[in-house]
């Protein structure tokens, strides 16, 4: 029957990262397998939020923009995130949301490839990415077009009019991980750029944007980086494109001298030119605490443990829950840190699990997602989660009205 629970407990006892779990606030009696959607709060983030609100905002008031480093926080935190994604500190800034940053960088990609008008994406990409690209190309009219191809046909579709391809490093639904270096090289071979969404891989996997020669990237702060709900996102522009890229949301904090209050925009030097509006300081404080926690962990150990966690979960589900079909790649090197399965009653099953203290999530039409984290997930609780899942399936505990009721958030 595969791994025993005692063996899973022994794996936790031998885990060099086991103690990191204590850095998080997690409710008793809950097995949290949805950190790929919203990471749990580090205790330091909650303390930092209170300090920022009470001492910096409440005591120092507007003086905090200088006294407490508020003005430089987007670049300071961006420089820290850079260490997690294979970038130089001056190539990353925290700003806005993933959607807004994608709009800016997709437009920026067109500015870097004059004479080319096509943005290339694949069907089934994260919806907001496709929606943003649709909005941008509709706004630009004849100057740009979006070409969406079937999944798996992206590289073959690159042609002489492709300005950039846009692709998630890890697919939000299936967890498929693309070979960033190989896809980027294929784009470059045709004179196109590669714009990556690393929202489901930053903080979860070993990401090396510069090693892969990625041209541009965006990512969010509230998933594996544990920045809190609605945490600001980040963007990456490598040294070779800084100064040349142009973005359309030329807000005052992307100005060379914001407090000169000039009518005409002059872009700031470097990655700060990609900033737009006033940074959300409270959210940035929480995000910085989450990023600091990731930086304190041995990344090689985290990568090894993450793969082992997802492997254990897949193996246990195969043994105990054969009704579920694996929708993620079987090889760890080809997937992210969430695992997807399909079942016709997937949404109701997820709700039944949540009622029993196992929190995963559902993605239409039939995908159950379970995320793991090397920082707070235990091997034994994964073993327990599969046992509970097996009981839900065997008893058809999901076949109840309260579990089938429509929900606004899944």
Protein backbone atom coordinates (compact mmCIF):
# COMPACT_ATOMS: atom_id res chain seq x y z
CA UNK A 1 0.00 0.00 0.00
CA UNK A 2 2.99 2.31 -0.34
CA UNK A 3 4.37 4.66 2.28
CA UNK A 4 3.07 4.19 5.83
CA UNK A 5 2.11 7.06 8.09
CA UNK A 6 4.97 6.20 10.43
CA UNK A 7 7.35 6.56 7.51
CA UNK A 8 5.83 9.96 6.68
CA UNK A 9 6.30 11.03 10.30
CA UNK A 10 9.93 9.90 10.10
CA UNK A 11 10.41 12.01 6.98
CA UNK A 12 9.17 15.05 8.92
CA UNK A 13 11.55 14.27 11.75
CA UNK A 14 14.49 14.15 9.34
CA UNK A 15 13.42 17.25 7.40
CA UNK A 16 16.02 20.06 7.73
CA UNK A 17 13.29 22.62 6.99
CA UNK A 18 10.77 21.27 9.50
CA UNK A 19 11.28 24.16 11.91
CA UNK A 20 10.37 26.79 9.31
CA UNK A 21 6.70 25.91 9.73
CA UNK A 22 6.74 27.61 13.11
CA UNK A 23 7.39 30.89 11.33
CA UNK A 24 3.83 30.82 9.94
CA UNK A 25 0.43 31.42 11.47
CA UNK A 26 -1.65 28.35 10.59
CA UNK A 27 -4.89 27.29 12.30
CA UNK A 28 -4.96 24.09 14.30
CA UNK A 29 -6.83 21.21 12.71
CA UNK A 30 -6.43 22.53 9.16
CA UNK A 31 -4.33 20.96 6.40
CA UNK A 32 -3.63 23.90 4.13
CA UNK A 33 -2.99 22.88 0.52
CA UNK A 34 -3.81 26.15 -1.20
CA UNK A 35 -0.68 28.23 -0.74
CA UNK A 36 -0.37 28.31 -4.51
CA UNK A 37 -3.43 30.61 -4.46
CA UNK A 38 -2.87 32.47 -1.18
CA UNK A 39 0.16 31.81 0.96
CA UNK A 40 -0.40 31.77 4.75
CA UNK A 41 0.96 34.70 6.75
CA UNK A 42 4.45 34.63 8.24
CA UNK A 43 4.32 35.75 11.86
CA UNK A 44 6.89 38.43 11.01
CA UNK A 45 4.53 39.80 8.34
CA UNK A 46 1.77 40.31 10.88
CA UNK A 47 4.19 42.02 13.25
CA UNK A 48 5.58 44.16 10.44
CA UNK A 49 2.07 45.23 9.41
CA UNK A 50 1.36 46.39 12.95
CA UNK A 51 4.68 48.23 13.19
CA UNK A 52 4.18 49.93 9.83
CA UNK A 53 0.63 50.99 10.67
CA UNK A 54 1.13 52.07 14.27
CA UNK A 55 4.67 53.42 14.41
CA UNK A 56 5.43 54.52 10.87
CA UNK A 57 2.02 55.64 9.64
CA UNK A 58 0.56 56.55 13.03
CA UNK A 59 3.63 58.23 14.58
CA UNK A 60 5.81 59.43 11.73
CA UNK A 61 2.97 60.15 9.33
CA UNK A 62 4.04 61.54 5.96
CA UNK A 63 7.64 61.82 7.12
CA UNK A 64 7.87 58.03 6.75
CA UNK A 65 8.38 58.37 3.00
CA UNK A 66 11.93 59.38 3.91
CA UNK A 67 12.40 58.39 7.55
CA UNK A 68 11.29 54.78 7.09
CA UNK A 69 12.29 54.14 3.50
CA UNK A 70 8.81 54.06 2.02
CA UNK A 71 9.88 55.75 -1.19
CA UNK A 72 12.54 53.17 -1.99
CA UNK A 73 10.55 50.14 -0.85
CA UNK A 74 9.49 49.07 -4.39
CA UNK A 75 13.13 48.83 -5.48
CA UNK A 76 14.39 47.45 -2.16
CA UNK A 77 11.85 44.62 -2.09
CA UNK A 78 12.28 44.10 -5.83
CA UNK A 79 16.00 43.63 -5.26
CA UNK A 80 15.26 40.92 -2.71
CA UNK A 81 12.82 39.12 -5.02
CA UNK A 82 15.52 39.25 -7.70
CA UNK A 83 17.58 36.81 -5.62
CA UNK A 84 14.73 34.28 -5.83
CA UNK A 85 14.21 34.51 -9.59
CA UNK A 86 17.73 34.66 -11.03
CA UNK A 87 17.84 38.39 -11.70
CA UNK A 88 20.06 41.31 -10.72
CA UNK A 89 18.74 43.62 -8.00
CA UNK A 90 18.47 46.60 -10.37
CA UNK A 91 16.33 44.60 -12.82
CA UNK A 92 13.29 44.01 -10.58
CA UNK A 93 10.73 46.37 -9.08
CA UNK A 94 7.59 45.78 -7.04
CA UNK A 95 4.65 47.63 -8.52
CA UNK A 96 0.93 47.43 -9.14
CA UNK A 97 -0.72 44.06 -9.88
CA UNK A 98 0.34 41.21 -12.14
CA UNK A 99 -2.32 42.24 -14.65
CA UNK A 100 -1.17 45.87 -14.78
CA UNK A 101 2.47 44.83 -15.06
CA UNK A 102 1.64 42.44 -17.89
CA UNK A 103 -0.07 45.29 -19.75
CA UNK A 104 3.02 47.46 -19.30
CA UNK A 105 5.51 44.81 -20.35
CA UNK A 106 3.49 43.50 -23.30
CA UNK A 107 3.31 47.07 -24.60
CA UNK A 108 6.99 47.40 -23.79
CA UNK A 109 7.76 44.29 -25.83
CA UNK A 110 6.10 45.89 -28.85
CA UNK A 111 8.25 48.98 -28.30
CA UNK A 112 11.38 46.81 -28.37
CA UNK A 113 10.39 45.15 -31.64
CA UNK A 114 9.28 47.93 -34.00
CA UNK A 115 7.93 46.56 -37.24
CA UNK A 116 6.46 43.51 -35.51
CA UNK A 117 2.84 43.56 -34.37
CA UNK A 118 1.93 40.11 -33.02
CA UNK A 119 1.71 39.06 -29.40
CA UNK A 120 1.56 35.27 -29.24
CA UNK A 121 -0.12 33.22 -26.50
CA UNK A 122 -1.69 29.81 -26.14
CA UNK A 123 -5.25 28.78 -25.32
CA UNK A 124 -5.83 27.86 -21.71
CA UNK A 125 -3.37 30.43 -20.37
CA UNK A 126 -4.34 32.11 -17.13
CA UNK A 127 -7.43 34.12 -18.13
CA UNK A 128 -6.29 37.52 -16.90
CA UNK A 129 -3.16 37.25 -19.05
CA UNK A 130 -5.24 36.61 -22.16
CA UNK A 131 -7.75 39.29 -21.18
CA UNK A 132 -5.02 41.88 -20.71
CA UNK A 133 -3.48 41.04 -24.07
CA UNK A 134 -6.91 41.28 -25.69
CA UNK A 135 -7.47 44.69 -24.16
CA UNK A 136 -4.04 45.98 -25.17
CA UNK A 137 -4.30 44.86 -28.77
CA UNK A 138 -7.86 46.19 -29.07
CA UNK A 139 -6.62 49.55 -27.81
CA UNK A 140 -3.75 49.64 -30.30
CA UNK A 141 -5.92 48.67 -33.27
CA UNK A 142 -3.92 48.03 -36.43
CA UNK A 143 -0.64 48.48 -34.60
CA UNK A 144 -0.91 45.18 -32.72
CA UNK A 145 -2.71 41.87 -32.81
CA UNK A 146 -3.06 38.90 -30.51
CA UNK A 147 -2.68 35.38 -31.86
CA UNK A 148 -3.87 32.58 -29.59
CA UNK A 149 -2.84 29.08 -30.63
CA UNK A 150 -3.74 25.65 -29.17
CA UNK A 151 -1.74 24.57 -26.14
CA UNK A 152 1.56 23.02 -27.16
CA UNK A 153 1.74 24.85 -30.50
CA UNK A 154 3.25 28.09 -29.23
CA UNK A 155 6.83 27.60 -30.36
CA UNK A 156 5.84 26.39 -33.82
CA UNK A 157 3.66 29.48 -34.27
CA UNK A 158 6.47 32.03 -33.82
CA UNK A 159 7.04 33.87 -37.09
CA UNK A 160 8.61 37.04 -38.51
CA UNK A 161 5.76 39.22 -37.20
CA UNK A 162 5.94 37.93 -33.61
CA UNK A 163 7.09 40.67 -31.28
CA UNK A 164 6.81 38.49 -28.17
CA UNK A 165 5.34 35.29 -26.87
CA UNK A 166 3.62 35.42 -23.49
CA UNK A 167 3.64 32.27 -21.38
CA UNK A 168 3.25 31.17 -17.76
CA UNK A 169 6.30 29.31 -16.50
CA UNK A 170 3.98 27.01 -14.52
CA UNK A 171 0.44 26.51 -15.79
CA UNK A 172 -2.14 27.61 -13.24
CA UNK A 173 -4.44 24.63 -13.81
CA UNK A 174 -2.24 21.63 -14.64
CA UNK A 175 1.02 22.73 -12.99
CA UNK A 176 2.93 21.99 -16.19
CA UNK A 177 6.35 23.65 -16.05
CA UNK A 178 7.78 24.91 -19.33
CA UNK A 179 11.48 24.79 -20.15
CA UNK A 180 12.13 28.50 -19.90
CA UNK A 181 15.56 28.42 -21.52
CA UNK A 182 14.44 26.29 -24.47
CA UNK A 183 11.27 28.29 -25.19
CA UNK A 184 13.14 31.59 -24.88
CA UNK A 185 15.87 30.36 -27.23
CA UNK A 186 13.21 29.35 -29.77
CA UNK A 187 11.72 32.86 -29.61
CA UNK A 188 15.13 34.48 -30.02
CA UNK A 189 15.90 32.27 -33.02
CA UNK A 190 12.97 33.94 -34.79
CA UNK A 191 13.83 37.44 -33.57
CA UNK A 192 11.01 37.51 -31.01
CA UNK A 193 11.03 38.21 -27.28
CA UNK A 194 9.85 35.96 -24.42
CA UNK A 195 7.64 37.48 -21.71
CA UNK A 196 7.15 35.10 -18.77
CA UNK A 197 4.54 35.02 -16.03
CA UNK A 198 6.27 33.45 -13.02
CA UNK A 199 3.37 33.85 -10.60
CA UNK A 200 3.18 30.11 -9.88
CA UNK A 201 6.92 29.53 -9.71
CA UNK A 202 8.49 32.51 -7.89
CA UNK A 203 9.26 31.36 -4.36
CA UNK A 204 8.30 27.78 -5.22
CA UNK A 205 10.89 26.64 -7.74
CA UNK A 206 14.42 27.47 -8.82
CA UNK A 207 13.80 30.25 -11.35
CA UNK A 208 16.72 31.66 -13.34
CA UNK A 209 15.47 34.44 -15.59
CA UNK A 210 18.90 35.68 -16.62
CA UNK A 211 20.25 32.18 -17.00
CA UNK A 212 17.40 31.45 -19.42
CA UNK A 213 17.93 34.80 -21.21
CA UNK A 214 14.31 35.76 -20.51
CA UNK A 215 13.43 39.16 -21.92
CA UNK A 216 10.68 40.23 -19.54
CA UNK A 217 8.74 38.75 -16.63
CA UNK A 218 5.91 39.45 -14.22
CA UNK A 219 4.83 37.71 -11.04
CA UNK A 220 2.53 38.10 -8.06
CA UNK A 221 3.34 38.48 -4.39
CA UNK A 222 0.49 36.68 -2.65
CA UNK A 223 1.03 33.06 -3.69
CA UNK A 224 4.30 31.34 -2.80
CA UNK A 225 5.92 34.61 -1.66
CA UNK A 226 3.41 34.89 1.21
CA UNK A 227 2.80 38.61 0.80
CA UNK A 228 -0.87 38.53 1.80
CA UNK A 229 -4.15 38.98 -0.10
CA UNK A 230 -3.81 41.54 -2.86
CA UNK A 231 -0.06 41.88 -2.29
CA UNK A 232 1.66 43.96 -4.97
CA UNK A 233 3.26 42.21 -7.91
CA UNK A 234 6.71 42.54 -9.43
CA UNK A 235 8.22 42.96 -12.85
CA UNK A 236 11.58 42.10 -14.38
CA UNK A 237 13.41 43.88 -17.19
CA UNK A 238 16.98 42.72 -17.85
CA UNK A 239 19.87 45.15 -18.15
CA UNK A 240 20.00 44.84 -21.93
CA UNK A 241 16.44 46.20 -22.30
CA UNK A 242 16.54 48.89 -19.61
CA UNK A 243 16.57 52.33 -21.16
CA UNK A 244 15.15 51.08 -24.45
CA UNK A 245 11.80 49.69 -23.30
CA UNK A 246 8.83 52.06 -23.28
CA UNK A 247 5.66 51.47 -21.32
CA UNK A 248 2.33 53.32 -21.64
CA UNK A 249 1.34 53.79 -17.99
CA UNK A 250 3.74 56.63 -17.37
CA UNK A 251 2.70 57.58 -13.86
CA UNK A 252 4.44 60.04 -11.63
CA UNK A 253 6.58 57.51 -9.75
CA UNK A 254 8.08 56.41 -13.05
CA UNK A 255 9.18 59.99 -13.64
CA UNK A 256 12.84 60.96 -13.39
CA UNK A 257 11.98 63.55 -10.71
CA UNK A 258 8.55 62.85 -9.24
CA UNK A 259 8.63 65.89 -6.99
CA UNK A 260 9.57 68.26 -9.77
CA UNK A 261 5.86 68.06 -10.64
CA UNK A 262 6.44 68.57 -14.35
CA UNK A 263 3.62 68.43 -16.87
CA UNK A 264 5.69 66.39 -19.30
CA UNK A 265 6.80 62.89 -18.45
CA UNK A 266 10.51 62.13 -18.35
CA UNK A 267 11.16 58.43 -17.64
CA UNK A 268 13.31 57.58 -14.64
CA UNK A 269 16.54 55.71 -15.26
CA UNK A 270 16.52 51.95 -15.02
CA UNK A 271 13.68 49.76 -13.86
CA UNK A 272 12.04 52.61 -11.94
CA UNK A 273 10.71 53.84 -15.28
CA UNK A 274 8.31 50.86 -15.13
CA UNK A 275 6.70 52.16 -11.94
CA UNK A 276 3.37 53.92 -12.18
CA UNK A 277 1.51 54.98 -9.05
CA UNK A 278 2.07 55.34 -5.32
CA UNK A 279 3.19 52.03 -3.78
CA UNK A 280 0.87 50.29 -1.24
CA UNK A 281 3.11 50.56 1.80
CA UNK A 282 1.22 48.28 4.18
CA UNK A 283 1.08 45.52 1.59
CA UNK A 284 4.74 46.05 0.71
CA UNK A 285 5.70 45.66 4.37
CA UNK A 286 3.96 42.28 4.54
CA UNK A 287 5.45 41.16 1.24
CA UNK A 288 8.96 42.08 2.34
CA UNK A 289 8.57 39.93 5.44
CA UNK A 290 7.45 37.00 3.29
CA UNK A 291 10.36 37.43 0.90
CA UNK A 292 12.83 37.69 3.79
CA UNK A 293 11.58 34.36 5.10
CA UNK A 294 12.18 32.72 1.73
CA UNK A 295 15.67 34.20 1.52
CA UNK A 296 16.55 32.72 4.91
CA UNK A 297 15.90 29.19 3.62
CA UNK A 298 18.39 27.04 1.73
CA UNK A 299 16.94 27.08 -1.79
CA UNK A 300 18.39 23.70 -2.78
CA UNK A 301 16.82 22.07 0.27
CA UNK A 302 13.52 23.77 -0.51
CA UNK A 303 13.56 22.54 -4.11
CA UNK A 304 14.31 18.98 -3.03
CA UNK A 305 11.62 18.95 -0.36
CA UNK A 306 9.00 20.51 -2.64
CA UNK A 307 9.49 17.76 -5.22
CA UNK A 308 9.35 15.07 -2.51
CA UNK A 309 6.12 16.47 -1.07
CA UNK A 310 4.31 16.54 -4.40
CA UNK A 311 5.67 13.09 -5.25
CA UNK A 312 4.33 11.63 -2.02
CA UNK A 313 0.91 13.17 -2.66
CA UNK A 314 0.70 11.82 -6.21
CA UNK A 315 1.76 8.33 -5.14
CA UNK A 316 -0.72 8.21 -2.26
CA UNK A 317 -3.62 9.44 -4.41
CA UNK A 318 -2.81 6.80 -7.04
CA UNK A 319 -3.06 4.09 -4.38
CA UNK A 320 -5.98 5.37 -2.32
CA UNK A 321 -8.05 7.40 -4.79
CA UNK A 322 -7.91 5.73 -8.22
CA UNK A 323 -11.12 7.59 -9.18
CA UNK A 324 -9.03 10.73 -9.64
CA UNK A 325 -7.05 11.18 -12.85
CA UNK A 326 -3.71 12.96 -12.61
CA UNK A 327 -3.76 16.13 -14.74
CA UNK A 328 -0.24 17.28 -13.86
CA UNK A 329 2.95 15.97 -15.45
CA UNK A 330 4.18 12.84 -13.70
CA UNK A 331 7.84 13.91 -13.56
CA UNK A 332 8.65 16.43 -10.84
CA UNK A 333 10.98 18.35 -13.15
CA UNK A 334 8.03 19.07 -15.44
CA UNK A 335 5.62 20.50 -12.86
CA UNK A 336 5.31 23.22 -10.25
CA UNK A 337 4.38 22.84 -6.59
CA UNK A 338 0.69 22.23 -7.02
CA UNK A 339 -0.75 18.94 -8.19
CA UNK A 340 -3.92 18.70 -10.27
CA UNK A 341 -6.41 15.89 -10.63
CA UNK A 342 -9.67 15.66 -12.54
CA UNK A 343 -13.04 14.29 -11.54
CA UNK A 344 -16.55 15.09 -12.86
CA UNK A 345 -17.60 16.09 -9.32
CA UNK A 346 -14.39 17.98 -8.60
CA UNK A 347 -15.96 21.12 -7.19
CA UNK A 348 -18.19 19.25 -4.75
CA UNK A 349 -15.28 17.04 -3.66
CA UNK A 350 -13.16 20.09 -2.87
CA UNK A 351 -15.98 21.58 -0.81
CA UNK A 352 -16.42 18.33 1.10
CA UNK A 353 -12.69 18.30 1.85
CA UNK A 354 -12.77 21.89 3.07
CA UNK A 355 -15.61 20.97 5.43
CA UNK A 356 -13.26 18.33 6.87
CA UNK A 357 -10.32 20.71 7.29
CA UNK A 358 -8.40 19.96 4.09
CA UNK A 359 -8.19 23.14 2.03
CA UNK A 360 -7.42 22.82 -1.65
CA UNK A 361 -9.21 24.51 -4.53
CA UNK A 362 -11.12 23.85 -7.75
CA UNK A 363 -10.63 25.12 -11.28
CA UNK A 364 -13.34 24.70 -13.88
CA UNK A 365 -14.39 22.51 -15.46
CA UNK A 366 -13.20 19.53 -13.40
CA UNK A 367 -9.78 20.18 -11.81
CA UNK A 368 -8.95 19.68 -8.12
CA UNK A 369 -5.73 21.49 -7.14
CA UNK A 370 -3.56 20.78 -4.12
CA UNK A 371 -0.54 22.96 -3.44
CA UNK A 372 2.42 22.08 -1.25
CA UNK A 373 5.13 24.25 0.23
CA UNK A 374 8.56 23.20 1.47
CA UNK A 375 8.27 25.91 4.11
CA UNK A 376 5.14 24.79 5.93
CA UNK A 377 3.75 21.51 4.53
CA UNK A 378 4.43 18.31 6.48
CA UNK A 379 4.74 14.88 4.93
CA UNK A 380 2.44 13.36 7.56
CA UNK A 381 -0.35 15.84 6.92
CA UNK A 382 -0.22 15.01 3.20
CA UNK A 383 -0.65 11.35 4.16
CA UNK A 384 -3.63 12.34 6.32
CA UNK A 385 -5.11 14.53 3.57
CA UNK A 386 -5.17 11.62 1.14
CA UNK A 387 -6.85 9.41 3.73
CA UNK A 388 -9.57 12.03 4.20
CA UNK A 389 -9.91 12.37 0.42
CA UNK A 390 -10.27 8.60 0.13
CA UNK A 391 -13.06 8.61 2.73
CA UNK A 392 -14.88 11.47 0.96
CA UNK A 393 -14.80 9.51 -2.29
CA UNK A 394 -15.68 6.13 -0.82
CA UNK A 395 -18.64 7.51 1.16
CA UNK A 396 -19.69 9.94 -1.60
CA UNK A 397 -19.65 12.55 1.15
CA UNK A 398 -19.46 15.22 -1.53
CA UNK A 399 -22.90 14.32 -2.85
CA UNK A 400 -24.72 16.75 -0.58
CA UNK A 401 -26.56 19.98 -1.44
CA UNK A 402 -24.24 22.20 0.59
CA UNK A 403 -21.22 20.91 -1.34
CA UNK A 404 -22.88 21.40 -4.72
CA UNK A 405 -24.15 24.92 -4.05
CA UNK A 406 -22.78 27.53 -6.50
CA UNK A 407 -19.91 29.61 -5.15
CA UNK A 408 -18.49 32.95 -6.24
CA UNK A 409 -14.93 31.86 -5.33
CA UNK A 410 -13.66 28.34 -5.96
